PDB file of N, CA and C in Angstrom:
ATOM      1  N   UNK A   1      13.006 -70.437 -18.946  1.00  0.00           N
ATOM      2  CA  UNK A   1      12.425 -69.415 -18.115  1.00  0.00           C
ATOM      3  C   UNK A   1      10.895 -69.533 -18.204  1.00  0.00           C
ATOM      4  N   UNK A   2      10.283 -69.727 -17.099  1.00  0.00           N
ATOM      5  CA  UNK A   2       8.827 -69.846 -17.073  1.00  0.00           C
ATOM      6  C   UNK A   2       8.237 -68.644 -16.353  1.00  0.00           C
ATOM      7  N   UNK A   3       7.235 -68.082 -16.965  1.00  0.00           N
ATOM      8  CA  UNK A   3       6.526 -66.964 -16.331  1.00  0.00           C
ATOM      9  C   UNK A   3       5.077 -67.380 -16.143  1.00  0.00           C
ATOM     10  N   UNK A   4       4.509 -66.995 -15.034  1.00  0.00           N
ATOM     11  CA  UNK A   4       3.101 -67.365 -14.822  1.00  0.00           C
ATOM     12  C   UNK A   4       2.189 -66.563 -15.752  1.00  0.00           C
ATOM     13  N   UNK A   5       1.083 -67.178 -16.077  1.00  0.00           N
ATOM     14  CA  UNK A   5       0.098 -66.504 -16.907  1.00  0.00           C
ATOM     15  C   UNK A   5      -0.561 -65.385 -16.106  1.00  0.00           C
ATOM     16  N   UNK A   6      -0.976 -64.312 -16.791  1.00  0.00           N
ATOM     17  CA  UNK A   6      -1.702 -63.263 -16.053  1.00  0.00           C
ATOM     18  C   UNK A   6      -3.064 -63.793 -15.624  1.00  0.00           C
ATOM     19  N   UNK A   7      -3.625 -63.212 -14.589  1.00  0.00           N
ATOM     20  CA  UNK A   7      -4.936 -63.703 -14.124  1.00  0.00           C
ATOM     21  C   UNK A   7      -6.002 -63.428 -15.188  1.00  0.00           C
ATOM     22  N   UNK A   8      -7.026 -64.257 -15.232  1.00  0.00           N
ATOM     23  CA  UNK A   8      -8.097 -64.043 -16.222  1.00  0.00           C
ATOM     24  C   UNK A   8      -8.865 -62.766 -15.897  1.00  0.00           C
ATOM     25  N   UNK A   9      -9.489 -62.175 -16.904  1.00  0.00           N
ATOM     26  CA  UNK A   9     -10.275 -60.959 -16.637  1.00  0.00           C
ATOM     27  C   UNK A   9     -11.456 -61.279 -15.741  1.00  0.00           C
ATOM     28  N   UNK A  10     -11.904 -60.294 -14.990  1.00  0.00           N
ATOM     29  CA  UNK A  10     -13.049 -60.565 -14.105  1.00  0.00           C
ATOM     30  C   UNK A  10     -14.305 -60.832 -14.931  1.00  0.00           C
ATOM     31  N   UNK A  11     -15.197 -61.631 -14.408  1.00  0.00           N
ATOM     32  CA  UNK A  11     -16.438 -61.915 -15.145  1.00  0.00           C
ATOM     33  C   UNK A  11     -17.292 -60.652 -15.214  1.00  0.00           C
ATOM     34  N   UNK A  12     -18.142 -60.539 -16.223  1.00  0.00           N
ATOM     35  CA  UNK A  12     -19.010 -59.363 -16.304  1.00  0.00           C
ATOM     36  C   UNK A  12     -19.946 -59.306 -15.108  1.00  0.00           C
ATOM     37  N   UNK A  13     -20.368 -58.121 -14.779  1.00  0.00           N
ATOM     38  CA  UNK A  13     -21.247 -57.937 -13.628  1.00  0.00           C
ATOM     39  C   UNK A  13     -22.564 -58.672 -13.860  1.00  0.00           C
ATOM     40  N   UNK A  14     -23.073 -59.229 -12.805  1.00  0.00           N
ATOM     41  CA  UNK A  14     -24.345 -59.938 -12.890  1.00  0.00           C
ATOM     42  C   UNK A  14     -25.487 -58.950 -12.715  1.00  0.00           C
ATOM     43  N   UNK A  15     -26.605 -59.266 -13.275  1.00  0.00           N
ATOM     44  CA  UNK A  15     -27.776 -58.407 -13.139  1.00  0.00           C
ATOM     45  C   UNK A  15     -28.265 -57.946 -14.494  1.00  0.00           C
ATOM     46  N   UNK A  16     -29.204 -57.038 -14.448  1.00  0.00           N
ATOM     47  CA  UNK A  16     -29.805 -56.535 -15.687  1.00  0.00           C
ATOM     48  C   UNK A  16     -29.119 -55.257 -16.114  1.00  0.00           C
ATOM     49  N   UNK A  17     -28.782 -55.184 -17.379  1.00  0.00           N
ATOM     50  CA  UNK A  17     -28.168 -53.994 -17.942  1.00  0.00           C
ATOM     51  C   UNK A  17     -29.275 -53.018 -18.332  1.00  0.00           C
ATOM     52  N   UNK A  18     -29.398 -51.941 -17.592  1.00  0.00           N
ATOM     53  CA  UNK A  18     -30.446 -50.948 -17.852  1.00  0.00           C
ATOM     54  C   UNK A  18     -29.870 -49.643 -18.394  1.00  0.00           C
ATOM     55  N   UNK A  19     -28.702 -49.713 -19.003  1.00  0.00           N
ATOM     56  CA  UNK A  19     -28.045 -48.509 -19.509  1.00  0.00           C
ATOM     57  C   UNK A  19     -28.938 -47.775 -20.504  1.00  0.00           C
ATOM     58  N   UNK A  20     -29.485 -48.490 -21.463  1.00  0.00           N
ATOM     59  CA  UNK A  20     -30.327 -47.855 -22.478  1.00  0.00           C
ATOM     60  C   UNK A  20     -31.629 -47.349 -21.877  1.00  0.00           C
ATOM     61  N   UNK A  21     -32.219 -48.105 -20.969  1.00  0.00           N
ATOM     62  CA  UNK A  21     -33.468 -47.685 -20.333  1.00  0.00           C
ATOM     63  C   UNK A  21     -33.275 -46.365 -19.606  1.00  0.00           C
ATOM     64  N   UNK A  22     -32.264 -46.277 -18.750  1.00  0.00           N
ATOM     65  CA  UNK A  22     -32.020 -45.041 -17.996  1.00  0.00           C
ATOM     66  C   UNK A  22     -31.703 -43.884 -18.942  1.00  0.00           C
ATOM     67  N   UNK A  23     -30.921 -44.152 -19.983  1.00  0.00           N
ATOM     68  CA  UNK A  23     -30.557 -43.093 -20.917  1.00  0.00           C
ATOM     69  C   UNK A  23     -31.754 -42.538 -21.676  1.00  0.00           C
ATOM     70  N   UNK A  24     -32.599 -43.419 -22.184  1.00  0.00           N
ATOM     71  CA  UNK A  24     -33.767 -42.966 -22.940  1.00  0.00           C
ATOM     72  C   UNK A  24     -34.758 -42.245 -22.024  1.00  0.00           C
ATOM     73  N   UNK A  25     -34.993 -42.779 -20.834  1.00  0.00           N
ATOM     74  CA  UNK A  25     -35.868 -42.085 -19.881  1.00  0.00           C
ATOM     75  C   UNK A  25     -35.321 -40.704 -19.543  1.00  0.00           C
ATOM     76  N   UNK A  26     -34.018 -40.612 -19.342  1.00  0.00           N
ATOM     77  CA  UNK A  26     -33.406 -39.326 -19.020  1.00  0.00           C
ATOM     78  C   UNK A  26     -33.543 -38.328 -20.156  1.00  0.00           C
ATOM     79  N   UNK A  27     -33.347 -38.781 -21.384  1.00  0.00           N
ATOM     80  CA  UNK A  27     -33.467 -37.878 -22.528  1.00  0.00           C
ATOM     81  C   UNK A  27     -34.908 -37.397 -22.675  1.00  0.00           C
ATOM     82  N   UNK A  28     -35.867 -38.314 -22.603  1.00  0.00           N
ATOM     83  CA  UNK A  28     -37.275 -37.938 -22.786  1.00  0.00           C
ATOM     84  C   UNK A  28     -37.726 -36.993 -21.680  1.00  0.00           C
ATOM     85  N   UNK A  29     -37.457 -37.342 -20.439  1.00  0.00           N
ATOM     86  CA  UNK A  29     -37.892 -36.484 -19.337  1.00  0.00           C
ATOM     87  C   UNK A  29     -37.111 -35.182 -19.299  1.00  0.00           C
ATOM     88  N   UNK A  30     -35.832 -35.235 -19.661  1.00  0.00           N
ATOM     89  CA  UNK A  30     -35.026 -34.015 -19.684  1.00  0.00           C
ATOM     90  C   UNK A  30     -35.488 -33.042 -20.748  1.00  0.00           C
ATOM     91  N   UNK A  31     -35.967 -33.543 -21.869  1.00  0.00           N
ATOM     92  CA  UNK A  31     -36.448 -32.670 -22.943  1.00  0.00           C
ATOM     93  C   UNK A  31     -37.862 -32.163 -22.692  1.00  0.00           C
ATOM     94  N   UNK A  32     -38.733 -33.023 -22.206  1.00  0.00           N
ATOM     95  CA  UNK A  32     -40.154 -32.684 -22.160  1.00  0.00           C
ATOM     96  C   UNK A  32     -40.545 -31.932 -20.897  1.00  0.00           C
ATOM     97  N   UNK A  33     -40.205 -32.480 -19.735  1.00  0.00           N
ATOM     98  CA  UNK A  33     -40.800 -31.858 -18.551  1.00  0.00           C
ATOM     99  C   UNK A  33     -39.819 -31.596 -17.410  1.00  0.00           C
ATOM    100  N   UNK A  34     -39.120 -32.586 -16.971  1.00  0.00           N
ATOM    101  CA  UNK A  34     -38.423 -32.498 -15.687  1.00  0.00           C
ATOM    102  C   UNK A  34     -36.920 -32.622 -15.880  1.00  0.00           C
ATOM    103  N   UNK A  35     -36.246 -31.494 -15.840  1.00  0.00           N
ATOM    104  CA  UNK A  35     -34.807 -31.499 -16.044  1.00  0.00           C
ATOM    105  C   UNK A  35     -34.064 -32.268 -14.981  1.00  0.00           C
ATOM    106  N   UNK A  36     -34.531 -32.213 -13.747  1.00  0.00           N
ATOM    107  CA  UNK A  36     -33.829 -32.900 -12.655  1.00  0.00           C
ATOM    108  C   UNK A  36     -33.902 -34.415 -12.843  1.00  0.00           C
ATOM    109  N   UNK A  37     -35.026 -34.914 -13.355  1.00  0.00           N
ATOM    110  CA  UNK A  37     -35.118 -36.346 -13.621  1.00  0.00           C
ATOM    111  C   UNK A  37     -34.195 -36.758 -14.760  1.00  0.00           C
ATOM    112  N   UNK A  38     -34.036 -35.887 -15.734  1.00  0.00           N
ATOM    113  CA  UNK A  38     -33.085 -36.150 -16.813  1.00  0.00           C
ATOM    114  C   UNK A  38     -31.667 -36.296 -16.286  1.00  0.00           C
ATOM    115  N   UNK A  39     -31.311 -35.456 -15.333  1.00  0.00           N
ATOM    116  CA  UNK A  39     -29.970 -35.530 -14.744  1.00  0.00           C
ATOM    117  C   UNK A  39     -29.814 -36.809 -13.925  1.00  0.00           C
ATOM    118  N   UNK A  40     -30.813 -37.144 -13.140  1.00  0.00           N
ATOM    119  CA  UNK A  40     -30.738 -38.347 -12.302  1.00  0.00           C
ATOM    120  C   UNK A  40     -30.661 -39.608 -13.162  1.00  0.00           C
ATOM    121  N   UNK A  41     -31.535 -39.711 -14.156  1.00  0.00           N
ATOM    122  CA  UNK A  41     -31.507 -40.893 -15.016  1.00  0.00           C
ATOM    123  C   UNK A  41     -30.249 -40.934 -15.869  1.00  0.00           C
ATOM    124  N   UNK A  42     -29.717 -39.778 -16.242  1.00  0.00           N
ATOM    125  CA  UNK A  42     -28.449 -39.737 -16.957  1.00  0.00           C
ATOM    126  C   UNK A  42     -27.313 -40.281 -16.114  1.00  0.00           C
ATOM    127  N   UNK A  43     -27.294 -39.910 -14.834  1.00  0.00           N
ATOM    128  CA  UNK A  43     -26.274 -40.445 -13.928  1.00  0.00           C
ATOM    129  C   UNK A  43     -26.406 -41.966 -13.800  1.00  0.00           C
ATOM    130  N   UNK A  44     -27.637 -42.450 -13.661  1.00  0.00           N
ATOM    131  CA  UNK A  44     -27.850 -43.898 -13.557  1.00  0.00           C
ATOM    132  C   UNK A  44     -27.393 -44.616 -14.823  1.00  0.00           C
ATOM    133  N   UNK A  45     -27.628 -43.995 -15.977  1.00  0.00           N
ATOM    134  CA  UNK A  45     -27.204 -44.594 -17.235  1.00  0.00           C
ATOM    135  C   UNK A  45     -25.677 -44.659 -17.326  1.00  0.00           C
ATOM    136  N   UNK A  46     -24.997 -43.599 -16.929  1.00  0.00           N
ATOM    137  CA  UNK A  46     -23.533 -43.596 -16.960  1.00  0.00           C
ATOM    138  C   UNK A  46     -22.979 -44.631 -15.982  1.00  0.00           C
ATOM    139  N   UNK A  47     -23.586 -44.728 -14.809  1.00  0.00           N
ATOM    140  CA  UNK A  47     -23.137 -45.705 -13.818  1.00  0.00           C
ATOM    141  C   UNK A  47     -23.265 -47.130 -14.350  1.00  0.00           C
ATOM    142  N   UNK A  48     -24.419 -47.451 -14.952  1.00  0.00           N
ATOM    143  CA  UNK A  48     -24.602 -48.793 -15.500  1.00  0.00           C
ATOM    144  C   UNK A  48     -23.711 -49.030 -16.711  1.00  0.00           C
ATOM    145  N   UNK A  49     -23.465 -48.001 -17.511  1.00  0.00           N
ATOM    146  CA  UNK A  49     -22.592 -48.157 -18.676  1.00  0.00           C
ATOM    147  C   UNK A  49     -21.183 -48.532 -18.235  1.00  0.00           C
ATOM    148  N   UNK A  50     -20.703 -47.921 -17.194  1.00  0.00           N
ATOM    149  CA  UNK A  50     -19.370 -48.277 -16.681  1.00  0.00           C
ATOM    150  C   UNK A  50     -19.361 -49.693 -16.116  1.00  0.00           C
ATOM    151  N   UNK A  51     -20.437 -50.058 -15.450  1.00  0.00           N
ATOM    152  CA  UNK A  51     -20.509 -51.373 -14.820  1.00  0.00           C
ATOM    153  C   UNK A  51     -20.546 -52.494 -15.848  1.00  0.00           C
ATOM    154  N   UNK A  52     -21.260 -52.277 -16.963  1.00  0.00           N
ATOM    155  CA  UNK A  52     -21.446 -53.328 -17.954  1.00  0.00           C
ATOM    156  C   UNK A  52     -20.605 -53.138 -19.217  1.00  0.00           C
ATOM    157  N   UNK A  53     -19.758 -52.142 -19.244  1.00  0.00           N
ATOM    158  CA  UNK A  53     -18.875 -51.947 -20.386  1.00  0.00           C
ATOM    159  C   UNK A  53     -19.576 -51.410 -21.621  1.00  0.00           C
ATOM    160  N   UNK A  54     -20.618 -50.625 -21.438  1.00  0.00           N
ATOM    161  CA  UNK A  54     -21.370 -50.035 -22.550  1.00  0.00           C
ATOM    162  C   UNK A  54     -20.916 -48.595 -22.783  1.00  0.00           C
ATOM    163  N   UNK A  55     -21.443 -47.981 -23.829  1.00  0.00           N
ATOM    164  CA  UNK A  55     -21.154 -46.580 -24.127  1.00  0.00           C
ATOM    165  C   UNK A  55     -22.012 -45.678 -23.232  1.00  0.00           C
ATOM    166  N   UNK A  56     -21.420 -44.667 -22.601  1.00  0.00           N
ATOM    167  CA  UNK A  56     -22.191 -43.771 -21.723  1.00  0.00           C
ATOM    168  C   UNK A  56     -22.821 -42.590 -22.455  1.00  0.00           C
ATOM    169  N   UNK A  57     -22.881 -42.615 -23.777  1.00  0.00           N
ATOM    170  CA  UNK A  57     -23.361 -41.473 -24.559  1.00  0.00           C
ATOM    171  C   UNK A  57     -24.779 -41.061 -24.183  1.00  0.00           C
ATOM    172  N   UNK A  58     -25.697 -42.022 -24.033  1.00  0.00           N
ATOM    173  CA  UNK A  58     -27.075 -41.668 -23.691  1.00  0.00           C
ATOM    174  C   UNK A  58     -27.156 -40.969 -22.343  1.00  0.00           C
ATOM    175  N   UNK A  59     -26.335 -41.382 -21.405  1.00  0.00           N
ATOM    176  CA  UNK A  59     -26.322 -40.731 -20.097  1.00  0.00           C
ATOM    177  C   UNK A  59     -25.842 -39.295 -20.182  1.00  0.00           C
ATOM    178  N   UNK A  60     -24.801 -39.061 -20.967  1.00  0.00           N
ATOM    179  CA  UNK A  60     -24.305 -37.698 -21.127  1.00  0.00           C
ATOM    180  C   UNK A  60     -25.332 -36.811 -21.823  1.00  0.00           C
ATOM    181  N   UNK A  61     -26.018 -37.363 -22.824  1.00  0.00           N
ATOM    182  CA  UNK A  61     -27.070 -36.600 -23.497  1.00  0.00           C
ATOM    183  C   UNK A  61     -28.218 -36.279 -22.554  1.00  0.00           C
ATOM    184  N   UNK A  62     -28.602 -37.242 -21.725  1.00  0.00           N
ATOM    185  CA  UNK A  62     -29.688 -37.013 -20.771  1.00  0.00           C
ATOM    186  C   UNK A  62     -29.319 -35.908 -19.788  1.00  0.00           C
ATOM    187  N   UNK A  63     -28.092 -35.914 -19.302  1.00  0.00           N
ATOM    188  CA  UNK A  63     -27.660 -34.865 -18.379  1.00  0.00           C
ATOM    189  C   UNK A  63     -27.641 -33.512 -19.084  1.00  0.00           C
ATOM    190  N   UNK A  64     -27.138 -33.480 -20.312  1.00  0.00           N
ATOM    191  CA  UNK A  64     -27.087 -32.213 -21.051  1.00  0.00           C
ATOM    192  C   UNK A  64     -28.490 -31.663 -21.295  1.00  0.00           C
ATOM    193  N   UNK A  65     -29.428 -32.509 -21.714  1.00  0.00           N
ATOM    194  CA  UNK A  65     -30.786 -32.040 -21.966  1.00  0.00           C
ATOM    195  C   UNK A  65     -31.476 -31.610 -20.671  1.00  0.00           C
ATOM    196  N   UNK A  66     -31.201 -32.314 -19.571  1.00  0.00           N
ATOM    197  CA  UNK A  66     -31.769 -31.908 -18.292  1.00  0.00           C
ATOM    198  C   UNK A  66     -31.274 -30.542 -17.857  1.00  0.00           C
ATOM    199  N   UNK A  67     -29.984 -30.289 -18.026  1.00  0.00           N
ATOM    200  CA  UNK A  67     -29.423 -28.985 -17.661  1.00  0.00           C
ATOM    201  C   UNK A  67     -29.994 -27.893 -18.563  1.00  0.00           C
ATOM    202  N   UNK A  68     -30.098 -28.185 -19.870  1.00  0.00           N
ATOM    203  CA  UNK A  68     -30.675 -27.205 -20.798  1.00  0.00           C
ATOM    204  C   UNK A  68     -32.117 -26.895 -20.424  1.00  0.00           C
ATOM    205  N   UNK A  69     -32.874 -27.913 -20.031  1.00  0.00           N
ATOM    206  CA  UNK A  69     -34.260 -27.711 -19.624  1.00  0.00           C
ATOM    207  C   UNK A  69     -34.330 -26.818 -18.386  1.00  0.00           C
ATOM    208  N   UNK A  70     -33.482 -27.069 -17.407  1.00  0.00           N
ATOM    209  CA  UNK A  70     -33.501 -26.266 -16.181  1.00  0.00           C
ATOM    210  C   UNK A  70     -33.110 -24.821 -16.480  1.00  0.00           C
ATOM    211  N   UNK A  71     -32.066 -24.630 -17.257  1.00  0.00           N
ATOM    212  CA  UNK A  71     -31.619 -23.272 -17.576  1.00  0.00           C
ATOM    213  C   UNK A  71     -32.662 -22.551 -18.432  1.00  0.00           C
ATOM    214  N   UNK A  72     -33.189 -23.241 -19.435  1.00  0.00           N
ATOM    215  CA  UNK A  72     -34.217 -22.627 -20.277  1.00  0.00           C
ATOM    216  C   UNK A  72     -35.463 -22.262 -19.494  1.00  0.00           C
ATOM    217  N   UNK A  73     -35.889 -23.133 -18.593  1.00  0.00           N
ATOM    218  CA  UNK A  73     -37.054 -22.824 -17.759  1.00  0.00           C
ATOM    219  C   UNK A  73     -36.809 -21.639 -16.845  1.00  0.00           C
ATOM    220  N   UNK A  74     -35.598 -21.550 -16.300  1.00  0.00           N
ATOM    221  CA  UNK A  74     -35.273 -20.411 -15.435  1.00  0.00           C
ATOM    222  C   UNK A  74     -35.268 -19.106 -16.227  1.00  0.00           C
ATOM    223  N   UNK A  75     -34.765 -19.148 -17.449  1.00  0.00           N
ATOM    224  CA  UNK A  75     -34.761 -17.942 -18.289  1.00  0.00           C
ATOM    225  C   UNK A  75     -36.190 -17.533 -18.640  1.00  0.00           C
ATOM    226  N   UNK A  76     -37.012 -18.499 -19.018  1.00  0.00           N
ATOM    227  CA  UNK A  76     -38.399 -18.171 -19.356  1.00  0.00           C
ATOM    228  C   UNK A  76     -39.162 -17.627 -18.159  1.00  0.00           C
ATOM    229  N   UNK A  77     -38.948 -18.196 -16.981  1.00  0.00           N
ATOM    230  CA  UNK A  77     -39.625 -17.696 -15.786  1.00  0.00           C
ATOM    231  C   UNK A  77     -39.176 -16.293 -15.428  1.00  0.00           C
ATOM    232  N   UNK A  78     -37.886 -16.020 -15.594  1.00  0.00           N
ATOM    233  CA  UNK A  78     -37.366 -14.703 -15.212  1.00  0.00           C
ATOM    234  C   UNK A  78     -37.829 -13.616 -16.173  1.00  0.00           C
ATOM    235  N   UNK A  79     -38.080 -13.958 -17.426  1.00  0.00           N
ATOM    236  CA  UNK A  79     -38.554 -12.967 -18.386  1.00  0.00           C
ATOM    237  C   UNK A  79     -40.073 -12.853 -18.402  1.00  0.00           C
ATOM    238  N   UNK A  80     -40.761 -13.722 -17.717  1.00  0.00           N
ATOM    239  CA  UNK A  80     -42.218 -13.677 -17.681  1.00  0.00           C
ATOM    240  C   UNK A  80     -42.875 -14.341 -18.871  1.00  0.00           C
ATOM    241  N   UNK A  81     -42.134 -15.094 -19.666  1.00  0.00           N
ATOM    242  CA  UNK A  81     -42.694 -15.744 -20.845  1.00  0.00           C
ATOM    243  C   UNK A  81     -43.060 -17.199 -20.600  1.00  0.00           C
ATOM    244  N   UNK A  82     -43.058 -17.627 -19.375  1.00  0.00           N
ATOM    245  CA  UNK A  82     -43.389 -19.006 -19.067  1.00  0.00           C
ATOM    246  C   UNK A  82     -44.895 -19.164 -19.155  1.00  0.00           C
ATOM    247  N   UNK A  83     -45.427 -20.015 -20.044  1.00  0.00           N
ATOM    248  CA  UNK A  83     -46.881 -20.032 -20.305  1.00  0.00           C
ATOM    249  C   UNK A  83     -47.725 -20.489 -19.123  1.00  0.00           C
ATOM    250  N   UNK A  84     -47.186 -21.283 -18.229  1.00  0.00           N
ATOM    251  CA  UNK A  84     -47.987 -21.802 -17.126  1.00  0.00           C
ATOM    252  C   UNK A  84     -48.098 -20.807 -15.986  1.00  0.00           C
ATOM    253  N   UNK A  85     -47.298 -19.764 -15.986  1.00  0.00           N
ATOM    254  CA  UNK A  85     -47.319 -18.794 -14.898  1.00  0.00           C
ATOM    255  C   UNK A  85     -47.955 -17.488 -15.333  1.00  0.00           C
ATOM    256  N   UNK A  86     -48.572 -17.485 -16.484  1.00  0.00           N
ATOM    257  CA  UNK A  86     -49.156 -16.277 -17.015  1.00  0.00           C
ATOM    258  C   UNK A  86     -50.464 -16.007 -16.294  1.00  0.00           C
ATOM    259  N   UNK A  87     -50.553 -14.927 -15.556  1.00  0.00           N
ATOM    260  CA  UNK A  87     -51.742 -14.601 -14.760  1.00  0.00           C
ATOM    261  C   UNK A  87     -52.537 -13.473 -15.395  1.00  0.00           C
ATOM    262  N   UNK A  88     -52.773 -13.539 -16.675  1.00  0.00           N
ATOM    263  CA  UNK A  88     -53.528 -12.471 -17.356  1.00  0.00           C
ATOM    264  C   UNK A  88     -54.980 -12.526 -17.011  1.00  0.00           C
TER     265      UNK A  88
END
């Protein structure tokens, strides 16, 4: 009884793996200034991680920090404790 061999796995995607770059940029920008950029770069990191078979952890962290930044900024603005909007 002869059975055919299974097909070989597909070759890895060609191009540059920027998973770590997008993840680190997302974390830094999500923590420091721009939550929306943290979310965008986090998504890009997760997308590249899936494409190249890497861990998507940095992307998830970037998205989480971006969301925390947006929510925290909204809370500070609503309470009047946001330092850049203080019109004393």
